[in-house]
Amino acid sequence: MASVVFQGDRSSVELEGEALSQSKYAQMSEDEEEEDNSTPDDSDSLEEGNDSDNETISEGLGFHEATTLPRGVQTETAVFAKWEHHTRGIASKMMASMGYKEGMGLGVTGQGMVDPIPVKVLPPGQSLDHALESRDTEDKEGSQSKKRSRGGRRKRERKFAEATRAAKAEEEPGPNVFSFINNQLANQNGDGGSRDKMKYAVREDRRSLVAYDDEVKELRSRVGRLEEMVVRNRKDKAVAEAATRRLNETRKALADVEAAQASASSAVVQREKEKKWLKF
């Protein structure tokens, strides 16, 4: 049972709980009005909060996935370089996705570089000049260790001239009875000497001149060394005499080679003049 008091005449009626209900026109208290007014706002704010949370989650999905990637050394692809033992190996992944295989060279045909460019880490505080000097010294040491003979054009021409002279010397017939008789008969005519020279003369060319030039230079340097030896060992009679004897022999050989060089040079010049006249 409940007692209901009417505001107009202040009369009261006792009713059961089932008969009681609130009219839609009934006045509400201030607290109820505030609660009623705050309810839709709160629901709207909750909905906006949920929407913002959804937007944040949707917008941060890529970052979230990126942060959930495994860390440490990668094991999905082969390790192509030593530094990839400490990294994720993104270079290996990209190259593997493009079809690269371990041990192949770069490029379409696989004939390019296999090893990466070496990097030298210098101590701190050193300038580029010091780096260049250290590289030059390393290059010199490497060239000395290899001991590789380069060999140039003059050396090849000298070898060719020596081989040509040796081949012509082998082709020339040795002296025999018939050659002796022919020489005697030719000498009786008076012009046998010039004919023999023309027969057995070696054909000279520019390559033989190069060989003569190298031989002259070598003999001149030898003469200079022997002269220094004679001056240095003037007090020692035996050594001085031996050096003087060798010096005289070397000077004689030098004179012979210079004469042969002059003869060959004149022959070459004469032959070239004849060719020019024939062309004219």
C-alpha atoms as a PDB file:
ATOM      1  CA  MET A   1       0.000   0.000   0.000  1.00  0.00           C
ATOM      2  CA  ALA A   2       1.131   3.554  -0.780  1.00  0.00           C
ATOM      3  CA  SER A   3      -0.304   6.943   0.092  1.00  0.00           C
ATOM      4  CA  VAL A   4      -0.626   9.477  -2.756  1.00  0.00           C
ATOM      5  CA  VAL A   5      -1.097  13.191  -1.853  1.00  0.00           C
ATOM      6  CA  PHE A   6      -2.579  15.553  -4.444  1.00  0.00           C
ATOM      7  CA  GLN A   7      -0.992  18.979  -4.580  1.00  0.00           C
ATOM      8  CA  GLY A   8      -4.191  20.964  -5.298  1.00  0.00           C
ATOM      9  CA  ASP A   9      -6.501  20.157  -2.382  1.00  0.00           C
ATOM     10  CA  ARG A  10      -3.948  18.290  -0.320  1.00  0.00           C
ATOM     11  CA  SER A  11      -6.180  15.197  -0.295  1.00  0.00           C
ATOM     12  CA  SER A  12      -4.646  11.747  -0.074  1.00  0.00           C
ATOM     13  CA  VAL A  13      -5.545   8.293  -1.354  1.00  0.00           C
ATOM     14  CA  GLU A  14      -4.081   4.928  -0.464  1.00  0.00           C
ATOM     15  CA  LEU A  15      -3.345   2.730  -3.481  1.00  0.00           C
ATOM     16  CA  GLU A  16      -1.648  -0.544  -4.106  1.00  0.00           C
ATOM     17  CA  GLY A  17       1.796  -0.653  -5.755  1.00  0.00           C
ATOM     18  CA  GLU A  18       0.448  -2.090  -9.005  1.00  0.00           C
ATOM     19  CA  ALA A  19      -1.878   0.927  -9.497  1.00  0.00           C
ATOM     20  CA  LEU A  20       0.932   3.430  -9.238  1.00  0.00           C
ATOM     21  CA  SER A  21       2.487   4.785 -12.481  1.00  0.00           C
ATOM     22  CA  GLN A  22       4.206   8.052 -13.495  1.00  0.00           C
ATOM     23  CA  SER A  23       2.451  10.280 -15.976  1.00  0.00           C
ATOM     24  CA  LYS A  24       4.347  11.756 -18.859  1.00  0.00           C
ATOM     25  CA  TYR A  25       3.033  15.177 -17.812  1.00  0.00           C
ATOM     26  CA  ALA A  26       4.298  14.882 -14.271  1.00  0.00           C
ATOM     27  CA  GLN A  27       6.915  17.397 -13.173  1.00  0.00           C
ATOM     28  CA  MET A  28      10.418  16.118 -12.457  1.00  0.00           C
ATOM     29  CA  SER A  29      12.818  17.391  -9.845  1.00  0.00           C
ATOM     30  CA  GLU A  30      15.993  19.323 -10.741  1.00  0.00           C
ATOM     31  CA  ASP A  31      18.235  16.311 -10.069  1.00  0.00           C
ATOM     32  CA  GLU A  32      16.144  14.123 -12.346  1.00  0.00           C
ATOM     33  CA  GLU A  33      16.203  16.803 -15.064  1.00  0.00           C
ATOM     34  CA  GLU A  34      20.006  17.023 -14.889  1.00  0.00           C
ATOM     35  CA  GLU A  35      20.332  13.242 -15.081  1.00  0.00           C
ATOM     36  CA  ASP A  36      17.904  13.133 -17.996  1.00  0.00           C
ATOM     37  CA  ASN A  37      19.710  15.927 -19.853  1.00  0.00           C
ATOM     38  CA  SER A  38      23.127  14.400 -19.289  1.00  0.00           C
ATOM     39  CA  THR A  39      22.165  10.966 -20.551  1.00  0.00           C
ATOM     40  CA  PRO A  40      22.067  11.692 -24.328  1.00  0.00           C
ATOM     41  CA  ASP A  41      25.210  13.795 -24.099  1.00  0.00           C
ATOM     42  CA  ASP A  42      27.021  11.007 -22.358  1.00  0.00           C
ATOM     43  CA  SER A  43      25.825   8.513 -24.920  1.00  0.00           C
ATOM     44  CA  ASP A  44      26.949  10.823 -27.729  1.00  0.00           C
ATOM     45  CA  SER A  45      30.342  11.279 -26.101  1.00  0.00           C
ATOM     46  CA  LEU A  46      30.642   7.550 -25.622  1.00  0.00           C
ATOM     47  CA  GLU A  47      29.767   6.979 -29.263  1.00  0.00           C
ATOM     48  CA  GLU A  48      32.280   9.632 -30.345  1.00  0.00           C
ATOM     49  CA  GLY A  49      34.901   8.064 -28.125  1.00  0.00           C
ATOM     50  CA  ASN A  50      34.238   4.664 -29.622  1.00  0.00           C
ATOM     51  CA  ASP A  51      34.437   6.143 -33.124  1.00  0.00           C
ATOM     52  CA  SER A  52      37.716   7.893 -32.330  1.00  0.00           C
ATOM     53  CA  ASP A  53      39.104   4.679 -30.864  1.00  0.00           C
ATOM     54  CA  ASN A  54      38.104   2.816 -33.995  1.00  0.00           C
ATOM     55  CA  GLU A  55      39.681   5.499 -36.155  1.00  0.00           C
ATOM     56  CA  THR A  56      42.877   5.385 -34.098  1.00  0.00           C
ATOM     57  CA  ILE A  57      43.025   1.648 -34.385  1.00  0.00           C
ATOM     58  CA  SER A  58      42.355   1.737 -38.129  1.00  0.00           C
ATOM     59  CA  GLU A  59      44.853   4.525 -38.688  1.00  0.00           C
ATOM     60  CA  GLY A  60      47.557   2.896 -36.588  1.00  0.00           C
ATOM     61  CA  LEU A  61      47.122  -0.567 -38.017  1.00  0.00           C
ATOM     62  CA  GLY A  62      50.195  -0.322 -40.280  1.00  0.00           C
ATOM     63  CA  PHE A  63      52.386   0.991 -37.496  1.00  0.00           C
ATOM     64  CA  HIS A  64      51.126  -1.716 -35.215  1.00  0.00           C
ATOM     65  CA  GLU A  65      51.974  -4.374 -37.766  1.00  0.00           C
ATOM     66  CA  ALA A  66      55.404  -2.812 -38.345  1.00  0.00           C
ATOM     67  CA  THR A  67      56.185  -2.901 -34.635  1.00  0.00           C
ATOM     68  CA  THR A  68      55.132  -6.519 -34.354  1.00  0.00           C
ATOM     69  CA  LEU A  69      57.768  -7.700 -36.890  1.00  0.00           C
ATOM     70  CA  PRO A  70      60.398 -10.049 -35.453  1.00  0.00           C
ATOM     71  CA  ARG A  71      63.706  -8.526 -34.515  1.00  0.00           C
ATOM     72  CA  GLY A  72      67.276  -9.818 -34.635  1.00  0.00           C
ATOM     73  CA  VAL A  73      69.169 -11.612 -37.393  1.00  0.00           C
ATOM     74  CA  GLN A  74      67.041 -12.532 -40.374  1.00  0.00           C
ATOM     75  CA  THR A  75      66.811 -16.194 -41.375  1.00  0.00           C
ATOM     76  CA  GLU A  76      64.350 -15.987 -44.255  1.00  0.00           C
ATOM     77  CA  THR A  77      66.952 -15.508 -47.029  1.00  0.00           C
ATOM     78  CA  ALA A  78      70.609 -16.352 -47.510  1.00  0.00           C
ATOM     79  CA  VAL A  79      73.155 -14.009 -45.948  1.00  0.00           C
ATOM     80  CA  PHE A  80      75.114 -12.436 -48.827  1.00  0.00           C
ATOM     81  CA  ALA A  81      77.416 -10.139 -46.824  1.00  0.00           C
ATOM     82  CA  LYS A  82      79.179 -10.341 -43.464  1.00  0.00           C
ATOM     83  CA  TRP A  83      77.475  -7.281 -42.010  1.00  0.00           C
ATOM     84  CA  GLU A  84      74.083  -8.972 -42.407  1.00  0.00           C
ATOM     85  CA  HIS A  85      74.936 -11.204 -39.468  1.00  0.00           C
ATOM     86  CA  HIS A  86      74.041  -8.210 -37.294  1.00  0.00           C
ATOM     87  CA  THR A  87      71.127  -6.717 -39.272  1.00  0.00           C
ATOM     88  CA  ARG A  88      67.806  -7.708 -40.775  1.00  0.00           C
ATOM     89  CA  GLY A  89      69.337  -8.118 -44.230  1.00  0.00           C
ATOM     90  CA  ILE A  90      66.931  -5.908 -46.195  1.00  0.00           C
ATOM     91  CA  ALA A  91      69.424  -5.845 -49.098  1.00  0.00           C
ATOM     92  CA  SER A  92      69.401  -9.637 -49.291  1.00  0.00           C
ATOM     93  CA  LYS A  93      65.618  -9.712 -49.266  1.00  0.00           C
ATOM     94  CA  MET A  94      65.361  -7.178 -52.079  1.00  0.00           C
ATOM     95  CA  MET A  95      67.976  -8.965 -54.192  1.00  0.00           C
ATOM     96  CA  ALA A  96      66.377 -12.352 -53.560  1.00  0.00           C
ATOM     97  CA  SER A  97      62.967 -10.993 -54.578  1.00  0.00           C
ATOM     98  CA  MET A  98      64.540  -9.805 -57.856  1.00  0.00           C
ATOM     99  CA  GLY A  99      65.914 -13.282 -58.592  1.00  0.00           C
ATOM    100  CA  TYR A 100      69.471 -12.979 -57.304  1.00  0.00           C
ATOM    101  CA  LYS A 101      71.188 -16.164 -56.149  1.00  0.00           C
ATOM    102  CA  GLU A 102      74.221 -16.508 -53.924  1.00  0.00           C
ATOM    103  CA  GLY A 103      77.525 -16.720 -55.810  1.00  0.00           C
ATOM    104  CA  MET A 104      76.267 -15.027 -58.973  1.00  0.00           C
ATOM    105  CA  GLY A 105      77.535 -11.706 -60.291  1.00  0.00           C
ATOM    106  CA  LEU A 106      75.451  -8.585 -60.642  1.00  0.00           C
ATOM    107  CA  GLY A 107      73.709  -7.639 -63.867  1.00  0.00           C
ATOM    108  CA  VAL A 108      71.295  -9.317 -66.242  1.00  0.00           C
ATOM    109  CA  THR A 109      73.737 -12.023 -67.338  1.00  0.00           C
ATOM    110  CA  GLY A 110      75.305 -12.484 -63.898  1.00  0.00           C
ATOM    111  CA  GLN A 111      78.790 -11.544 -65.084  1.00  0.00           C
ATOM    112  CA  GLY A 112      79.217  -8.439 -62.902  1.00  0.00           C
ATOM    113  CA  MET A 113      80.784  -7.893 -59.504  1.00  0.00           C
ATOM    114  CA  VAL A 114      80.634 -10.736 -56.991  1.00  0.00           C
ATOM    115  CA  ASP A 115      82.452  -9.207 -54.015  1.00  0.00           C
ATOM    116  CA  PRO A 116      81.483  -5.783 -52.653  1.00  0.00           C
ATOM    117  CA  ILE A 117      83.822  -2.811 -52.924  1.00  0.00           C
ATOM    118  CA  PRO A 118      86.306  -2.973 -50.031  1.00  0.00           C
ATOM    119  CA  VAL A 119      86.056  -0.173 -47.496  1.00  0.00           C
ATOM    120  CA  LYS A 120      89.061   0.909 -45.453  1.00  0.00           C
ATOM    121  CA  VAL A 121      88.310   2.658 -42.173  1.00  0.00           C
ATOM    122  CA  LEU A 122      91.022   5.178 -41.304  1.00  0.00           C
ATOM    123  CA  PRO A 123      91.843   6.296 -37.765  1.00  0.00           C
ATOM    124  CA  PRO A 124      90.077   9.465 -36.653  1.00  0.00           C
ATOM    125  CA  GLY A 125      91.859  12.763 -37.172  1.00  0.00           C
ATOM    126  CA  GLN A 126      93.678  11.839 -40.398  1.00  0.00           C
ATOM    127  CA  SER A 127      93.312  13.871 -43.579  1.00  0.00           C
ATOM    128  CA  LEU A 128      92.652  12.671 -47.118  1.00  0.00           C
ATOM    129  CA  ASP A 129      96.294  13.335 -48.029  1.00  0.00           C
ATOM    130  CA  HIS A 130      97.388  10.715 -45.538  1.00  0.00           C
ATOM    131  CA  ALA A 131      94.852   8.273 -46.970  1.00  0.00           C
ATOM    132  CA  LEU A 132      96.184   8.827 -50.506  1.00  0.00           C
ATOM    133  CA  GLU A 133      99.787   8.392 -49.351  1.00  0.00           C
ATOM    134  CA  SER A 134      98.969   5.141 -47.579  1.00  0.00           C
ATOM    135  CA  ARG A 135      97.199   3.854 -50.693  1.00  0.00           C
ATOM    136  CA  ASP A 136     100.197   4.772 -52.885  1.00  0.00           C
ATOM    137  CA  THR A 137     102.587   2.931 -50.572  1.00  0.00           C
ATOM    138  CA  GLU A 138     100.346  -0.137 -50.609  1.00  0.00           C
ATOM    139  CA  ASP A 139     100.231  -0.075 -54.410  1.00  0.00           C
ATOM    140  CA  LYS A 140     104.038   0.162 -54.609  1.00  0.00           C
ATOM    141  CA  GLU A 141     104.481  -2.717 -52.190  1.00  0.00           C
ATOM    142  CA  GLY A 142     102.016  -4.803 -54.165  1.00  0.00           C
ATOM    143  CA  SER A 143     103.792  -4.107 -57.442  1.00  0.00           C
ATOM    144  CA  GLN A 144     107.175  -4.975 -55.925  1.00  0.00           C
ATOM    145  CA  SER A 145     105.844  -8.220 -54.497  1.00  0.00           C
ATOM    146  CA  LYS A 146     104.427  -9.277 -57.840  1.00  0.00           C
ATOM    147  CA  LYS A 147     107.695  -8.533 -59.714  1.00  0.00           C
ATOM    148  CA  ARG A 148     105.872  -8.493 -62.998  1.00  0.00           C
ATOM    149  CA  SER A 149     107.845  -7.420 -66.058  1.00  0.00           C
ATOM    150  CA  ARG A 150     105.780  -5.126 -68.253  1.00  0.00           C
ATOM    151  CA  GLY A 151     107.773  -5.290 -71.492  1.00  0.00           C
ATOM    152  CA  GLY A 152     107.353  -2.542 -74.016  1.00  0.00           C
ATOM    153  CA  ARG A 153     107.448  -1.973 -77.730  1.00  0.00           C
ATOM    154  CA  ARG A 154     111.228  -1.545 -77.903  1.00  0.00           C
ATOM    155  CA  LYS A 155     111.801  -4.782 -76.050  1.00  0.00           C
ATOM    156  CA  ARG A 156     109.505  -6.697 -78.406  1.00  0.00           C
ATOM    157  CA  GLU A 157     111.198  -5.183 -81.463  1.00  0.00           C
ATOM    158  CA  ARG A 158     114.640  -6.083 -80.127  1.00  0.00           C
ATOM    159  CA  LYS A 159     113.585  -9.691 -79.534  1.00  0.00           C
ATOM    160  CA  PHE A 160     112.089  -9.864 -83.010  1.00  0.00           C
ATOM    161  CA  ALA A 161     115.284  -8.467 -84.575  1.00  0.00           C
ATOM    162  CA  GLU A 162     117.447 -10.958 -82.691  1.00  0.00           C
ATOM    163  CA  ALA A 163     115.216 -13.840 -83.753  1.00  0.00           C
ATOM    164  CA  THR A 164     115.309 -12.641 -87.386  1.00  0.00           C
ATOM    165  CA  ARG A 165     119.105 -12.453 -87.410  1.00  0.00           C
ATOM    166  CA  ALA A 166     119.386 -15.899 -85.834  1.00  0.00           C
ATOM    167  CA  ALA A 167     117.028 -17.381 -88.434  1.00  0.00           C
ATOM    168  CA  LYS A 168     118.967 -15.792 -91.306  1.00  0.00           C
ATOM    169  CA  ALA A 169     122.269 -17.013 -89.870  1.00  0.00           C
ATOM    170  CA  GLU A 170     120.898 -20.552 -89.795  1.00  0.00           C
ATOM    171  CA  GLU A 171     119.693 -20.287 -93.386  1.00  0.00           C
ATOM    172  CA  GLU A 172     123.109 -19.196 -94.663  1.00  0.00           C
ATOM    173  CA  PRO A 173     125.090 -22.193 -95.986  1.00  0.00           C
ATOM    174  CA  GLY A 174     128.393 -23.052 -94.313  1.00  0.00           C
ATOM    175  CA  PRO A 175     131.743 -23.014 -96.188  1.00  0.00           C
ATOM    176  CA  ASN A 176     132.537 -26.069 -98.323  1.00  0.00           C
ATOM    177  CA  VAL A 177     134.729 -27.014-101.283  1.00  0.00           C
ATOM    178  CA  PHE A 178     132.361 -25.634-103.893  1.00  0.00           C
ATOM    179  CA  SER A 179     131.957 -22.290-102.128  1.00  0.00           C
ATOM    180  CA  PHE A 180     135.765 -22.019-101.847  1.00  0.00           C
ATOM    181  CA  ILE A 181     136.196 -22.653-105.593  1.00  0.00           C
ATOM    182  CA  ASN A 182     133.483 -20.135-106.410  1.00  0.00           C
ATOM    183  CA  ASN A 183     135.134 -17.537-104.191  1.00  0.00           C
ATOM    184  CA  GLN A 184     138.515 -18.063-105.849  1.00  0.00           C
ATOM    185  CA  LEU A 185     137.028 -17.742-109.319  1.00  0.00           C
ATOM    186  CA  ALA A 186     135.081 -14.658-108.310  1.00  0.00           C
ATOM    187  CA  ASN A 187     138.171 -13.003-106.809  1.00  0.00           C
ATOM    188  CA  GLN A 188     139.996 -13.409-110.124  1.00  0.00           C
ATOM    189  CA  ASN A 189     137.383 -11.226-111.837  1.00  0.00           C
ATOM    190  CA  GLY A 190     138.091  -8.363-109.422  1.00  0.00           C
ATOM    191  CA  ASP A 191     134.557  -7.722-108.288  1.00  0.00           C
ATOM    192  CA  GLY A 192     134.103 -10.877-106.274  1.00  0.00           C
ATOM    193  CA  GLY A 193     134.250  -9.078-102.940  1.00  0.00           C
ATOM    194  CA  SER A 194     131.330  -6.768-103.628  1.00  0.00           C
ATOM    195  CA  ARG A 195     129.302  -9.614-105.112  1.00  0.00           C
ATOM    196  CA  ASP A 196     129.899 -11.730-102.007  1.00  0.00           C
ATOM    197  CA  LYS A 197     128.869  -8.855 -99.774  1.00  0.00           C
ATOM    198  CA  MET A 198     125.681  -8.381-101.719  1.00  0.00           C
ATOM    199  CA  LYS A 199     124.937 -12.102-101.506  1.00  0.00           C
ATOM    200  CA  TYR A 200     125.478 -12.564 -97.797  1.00  0.00           C
ATOM    201  CA  ALA A 201     124.470  -9.108 -96.586  1.00  0.00           C
ATOM    202  CA  VAL A 202     121.797  -9.072 -93.979  1.00  0.00           C
ATOM    203  CA  ARG A 203     118.755  -7.075 -94.903  1.00  0.00           C
ATOM    204  CA  GLU A 204     118.526  -4.208 -92.429  1.00  0.00           C
ATOM    205  CA  ASP A 205     115.317  -2.505 -91.381  1.00  0.00           C
ATOM    206  CA  ARG A 206     113.967  -0.286 -88.637  1.00  0.00           C
ATOM    207  CA  ARG A 207     113.747  -3.121 -86.143  1.00  0.00           C
ATOM    208  CA  SER A 208     117.416  -3.952 -86.505  1.00  0.00           C
ATOM    209  CA  LEU A 209     118.198  -0.272 -85.902  1.00  0.00           C
ATOM    210  CA  VAL A 210     116.310  -0.472 -82.612  1.00  0.00           C
ATOM    211  CA  ALA A 211     118.354  -3.519 -81.613  1.00  0.00           C
ATOM    212  CA  TYR A 212     121.588  -1.690 -82.489  1.00  0.00           C
ATOM    213  CA  ASP A 213     120.460   1.318 -80.472  1.00  0.00           C
ATOM    214  CA  ASP A 214     119.809  -0.784 -77.372  1.00  0.00           C
ATOM    215  CA  GLU A 215     123.151  -2.528 -77.732  1.00  0.00           C
ATOM    216  CA  VAL A 216     124.998   0.790 -78.055  1.00  0.00           C
ATOM    217  CA  LYS A 217     123.323   2.123 -74.910  1.00  0.00           C
ATOM    218  CA  GLU A 218     124.252  -0.997 -72.969  1.00  0.00           C
ATOM    219  CA  LEU A 219     127.907  -0.855 -74.094  1.00  0.00           C
ATOM    220  CA  ARG A 220     128.164   2.845 -73.256  1.00  0.00           C
ATOM    221  CA  SER A 221     126.856   2.273 -69.754  1.00  0.00           C
ATOM    222  CA  ARG A 222     129.329  -0.590 -69.352  1.00  0.00           C
ATOM    223  CA  VAL A 223     132.184   1.673 -70.489  1.00  0.00           C
ATOM    224  CA  GLY A 224     131.146   4.265 -67.905  1.00  0.00           C
ATOM    225  CA  ARG A 225     131.135   1.696 -65.109  1.00  0.00           C
ATOM    226  CA  LEU A 226     134.547   0.356 -66.122  1.00  0.00           C
ATOM    227  CA  GLU A 227     136.020   3.858 -66.215  1.00  0.00           C
ATOM    228  CA  GLU A 228     134.764   4.457 -62.686  1.00  0.00           C
ATOM    229  CA  MET A 229     136.257   1.131 -61.631  1.00  0.00           C
ATOM    230  CA  VAL A 230     139.668   2.068 -63.066  1.00  0.00           C
ATOM    231  CA  VAL A 231     139.650   5.428 -61.249  1.00  0.00           C
ATOM    232  CA  ARG A 232     138.487   3.844 -58.010  1.00  0.00           C
ATOM    233  CA  ASN A 233     141.152   1.087 -58.041  1.00  0.00           C
ATOM    234  CA  ARG A 234     144.187   3.098 -59.124  1.00  0.00           C
ATOM    235  CA  LYS A 235     146.139   2.026 -56.048  1.00  0.00           C
ATOM    236  CA  ASP A 236     145.495  -1.673 -56.674  1.00  0.00           C
ATOM    237  CA  LYS A 237     147.650  -2.466 -59.699  1.00  0.00           C
ATOM    238  CA  ALA A 238     146.212  -5.903 -60.523  1.00  0.00           C
ATOM    239  CA  VAL A 239     142.590  -4.785 -60.363  1.00  0.00           C
ATOM    240  CA  ALA A 240     143.371  -1.606 -62.301  1.00  0.00           C
ATOM    241  CA  GLU A 241     145.075  -3.559 -65.097  1.00  0.00           C
ATOM    242  CA  ALA A 242     142.204  -6.031 -65.367  1.00  0.00           C
ATOM    243  CA  ALA A 243     139.656  -3.216 -65.430  1.00  0.00           C
ATOM    244  CA  THR A 244     141.685  -1.352 -68.065  1.00  0.00           C
ATOM    245  CA  ARG A 245     141.872  -4.440 -70.256  1.00  0.00           C
ATOM    246  CA  ARG A 246     138.119  -4.981 -70.034  1.00  0.00           C
ATOM    247  CA  LEU A 247     137.565  -1.286 -70.707  1.00  0.00           C
ATOM    248  CA  ASN A 248     139.598  -1.442 -73.921  1.00  0.00           C
ATOM    249  CA  GLU A 249     137.711  -4.518 -75.094  1.00  0.00           C
ATOM    250  CA  THR A 250     134.372  -2.879 -74.371  1.00  0.00           C
ATOM    251  CA  ARG A 251     135.384   0.292 -76.208  1.00  0.00           C
ATOM    252  CA  LYS A 252     136.380  -1.764 -79.233  1.00  0.00           C
ATOM    253  CA  ALA A 253     133.053  -3.615 -79.191  1.00  0.00           C
ATOM    254  CA  LEU A 254     131.248  -0.288 -78.877  1.00  0.00           C
ATOM    255  CA  ALA A 255     133.091   1.098 -81.909  1.00  0.00           C
ATOM    256  CA  ASP A 256     132.180  -1.986 -83.963  1.00  0.00           C
ATOM    257  CA  VAL A 257     128.514  -1.767 -82.992  1.00  0.00           C
ATOM    258  CA  GLU A 258     128.386   1.960 -83.746  1.00  0.00           C
ATOM    259  CA  ALA A 259     129.910   1.329 -87.185  1.00  0.00           C
ATOM    260  CA  ALA A 260     127.371  -1.415 -87.885  1.00  0.00           C
ATOM    261  CA  GLN A 261     124.586   0.878 -86.702  1.00  0.00           C
ATOM    262  CA  ALA A 262     125.730   3.677 -89.017  1.00  0.00           C
ATOM    263  CA  SER A 263     125.929   1.259 -91.951  1.00  0.00           C
ATOM    264  CA  ALA A 264     122.469  -0.133 -91.244  1.00  0.00           C
ATOM    265  CA  SER A 265     121.028   3.347 -90.847  1.00  0.00           C
ATOM    266  CA  SER A 266     122.447   4.494 -94.179  1.00  0.00           C
ATOM    267  CA  ALA A 267     121.131   1.324 -95.848  1.00  0.00           C
ATOM    268  CA  VAL A 268     117.656   1.914 -94.467  1.00  0.00           C
ATOM    269  CA  VAL A 269     117.673   5.556 -95.561  1.00  0.00           C
ATOM    270  CA  GLN A 270     118.833   4.587 -99.060  1.00  0.00           C
ATOM    271  CA  ARG A 271     116.139   1.928 -99.348  1.00  0.00           C
ATOM    272  CA  GLU A 272     113.434   4.377 -98.281  1.00  0.00           C
ATOM    273  CA  LYS A 273     114.643   6.896-100.857  1.00  0.00           C
ATOM    274  CA  GLU A 274     114.484   4.238-103.557  1.00  0.00           C
ATOM    275  CA  LYS A 275     110.921   3.383-102.541  1.00  0.00           C
ATOM    276  CA  LYS A 276     109.930   7.039-102.769  1.00  0.00           C
ATOM    277  CA  TRP A 277     111.447   7.349-106.248  1.00  0.00           C
ATOM    278  CA  LEU A 278     109.679   4.191-107.379  1.00  0.00           C
ATOM    279  CA  LYS A 279     106.341   5.520-106.104  1.00  0.00           C
ATOM    280  CA  PHE A 280     106.978   8.822-107.874  1.00  0.00           C
END
